[in-house]
Each structure stands twice: as structure tokens, then as C-alpha cells.
Amino acid sequence: MRATTTKRPAKPTTERLEARVPAPIKDLIGRAASLEGVTLTDFVIATLQRSAAEVIREHEVLSLSVRDSAAFAKTMLAAPKPSRKLTQAFARHRQSVTVK
């Protein structure tokens, strides 16, 4: 008779992150976590995640003022024709680069 095995659902993979902080900073973080009604760990994870997402967004998104946006659009719509050197560079590029 064959024993049946059941596969357990895979646990989410987690990583360990450690940081040494001065006591006053830990107390401050602990107080904030308490005010939010969450554990210190949950507060740190949520705060770091929000902060990291914001930093990435700031670096990936280009924000222009209305004046800069208008200047960019005007330049793009009235772009000069490519110079002879630029046209030659594109021709060399097409000859030397293979696209798969």
C-alpha cells in the first residue's frame, strides 16, 4: 500500500533585515507604532515600504512645470531636421547593430 503525501502550501519567502538604532529613535518608532495600533515590526515594514516606493517614484517620474512642459512640447513639435553627421551616425548604427 502506498502512502499518500500532501503538498503543503508554500510559505511566503521572507528575508531578515536588521538595524542598530539609538535608544531614543527606537522609543520614537515604538511610540508611533503604538499610536497606530500595530507592532514595532509591522510599523517599520509599512513605513519602509511606503518610503522606498516614494523614493523610486520620485526617480522614475519626471515632473515639469507648466512652462517647462510647454517649452518641451514646442521643441518636440518643431524639432529641426537631423544634421548630415547625425544621419550618417544613424546609418552606421543600422549597419553595425543587429536587432533580434
Protein backbone atom coordinates (compact mmCIF):
# COMPACT_ATOMS: atom_id res chain seq x y z
CA MET A 1 0.00 0.00 0.00
CA ARG A 2 1.31 3.38 -0.98
CA ALA A 3 1.41 6.29 1.43
CA THR A 4 -0.11 9.46 0.09
CA THR A 5 1.68 12.68 0.59
CA THR A 6 0.03 16.03 0.52
CA LYS A 7 1.90 19.08 -0.52
CA ARG A 8 1.83 21.88 1.93
CA PRO A 9 1.23 25.34 0.51
CA ALA A 10 4.49 27.18 0.10
CA LYS A 11 5.21 29.76 2.77
CA PRO A 12 5.88 33.26 1.52
CA THR A 13 9.60 33.83 1.35
CA THR A 14 10.84 36.37 3.84
CA GLU A 15 14.21 37.95 4.38
CA ARG A 16 15.76 39.19 7.58
CA LEU A 17 16.60 42.89 7.91
CA GLU A 18 18.44 44.21 10.93
CA ALA A 19 19.37 47.70 12.02
CA ARG A 20 21.01 49.06 15.11
CA VAL A 21 19.49 52.35 16.20
CA PRO A 22 19.99 54.62 19.19
CA ALA A 23 17.52 54.05 22.04
CA PRO A 24 15.73 57.41 21.56
CA ILE A 25 15.00 56.57 17.91
CA LYS A 26 13.70 53.11 18.83
CA ASP A 27 11.50 54.68 21.51
CA LEU A 28 10.17 57.18 18.97
CA ILE A 29 9.39 54.43 16.46
CA GLY A 30 7.80 52.31 19.20
CA ARG A 31 5.59 55.22 20.27
CA ALA A 32 4.47 55.83 16.69
CA ALA A 33 3.72 52.12 16.23
CA SER A 34 1.71 52.12 19.44
CA LEU A 35 -0.30 55.15 18.31
CA GLU A 36 -1.08 53.33 15.04
CA GLY A 37 -2.06 50.19 16.97
CA VAL A 38 0.50 47.94 15.27
CA THR A 39 3.63 46.11 16.32
CA LEU A 40 7.00 47.76 16.03
CA THR A 41 7.94 45.31 13.25
CA ASP A 42 4.74 45.92 11.28
CA PHE A 43 5.17 49.68 11.64
CA VAL A 44 8.79 49.58 10.45
CA ILE A 45 7.95 47.36 7.47
CA ALA A 46 4.98 49.50 6.38
CA THR A 47 6.91 52.75 6.81
CA LEU A 48 9.97 51.47 4.93
CA GLN A 49 7.81 50.12 2.13
CA ARG A 50 5.99 53.45 1.69
CA SER A 51 9.24 55.38 1.84
CA ALA A 52 11.01 53.11 -0.66
CA ALA A 53 8.08 53.30 -3.11
CA GLU A 54 8.11 57.10 -2.86
CA VAL A 55 11.87 57.34 -3.50
CA ILE A 56 11.55 55.06 -6.53
CA ARG A 57 8.57 57.06 -7.85
CA GLU A 58 10.49 60.33 -7.46
CA HIS A 59 13.36 58.93 -9.51
CA GLU A 60 11.18 57.36 -12.21
CA VAL A 61 8.68 60.15 -12.78
CA LEU A 62 9.71 63.38 -14.42
CA SER A 63 7.64 66.33 -13.27
CA LEU A 64 7.61 69.50 -15.31
CA SER A 65 6.17 72.90 -14.57
CA VAL A 66 3.53 74.21 -16.98
CA ARG A 67 6.17 76.48 -18.58
CA ASP A 68 8.69 73.63 -18.94
CA SER A 69 6.02 71.33 -20.32
CA ALA A 70 5.00 73.90 -22.95
CA ALA A 71 8.65 74.50 -23.91
CA PHE A 72 9.23 70.76 -24.27
CA ALA A 73 6.13 70.29 -26.43
CA LYS A 74 7.07 73.26 -28.61
CA THR A 75 10.56 71.87 -29.12
CA MET A 76 9.27 68.40 -29.95
CA LEU A 77 6.72 69.72 -32.44
CA ALA A 78 9.25 71.98 -34.17
CA ALA A 79 12.27 69.71 -34.00
CA PRO A 80 14.98 70.59 -36.51
CA LYS A 81 15.86 68.15 -39.27
CA PRO A 82 18.76 65.85 -38.41
CA SER A 83 22.17 67.13 -39.45
CA ARG A 84 24.28 65.29 -42.01
CA LYS A 85 26.53 63.93 -39.25
CA LEU A 86 23.56 62.62 -37.29
CA THR A 87 22.12 60.95 -40.40
CA GLN A 88 25.50 59.31 -41.07
CA ALA A 89 25.72 58.14 -37.45
CA PHE A 90 22.28 56.51 -37.73
CA ALA A 91 23.35 54.80 -40.96
CA ARG A 92 26.48 53.42 -39.25
CA HIS A 93 24.38 52.28 -36.33
CA ARG A 94 21.93 50.42 -38.58
CA GLN A 95 24.83 48.64 -40.28
CA SER A 96 26.56 47.61 -37.08
CA VAL A 97 23.64 46.70 -34.79
CA THR A 98 21.53 43.61 -35.26
CA VAL A 99 18.05 43.54 -33.75
CA LYS A 100 16.65 40.11 -32.91
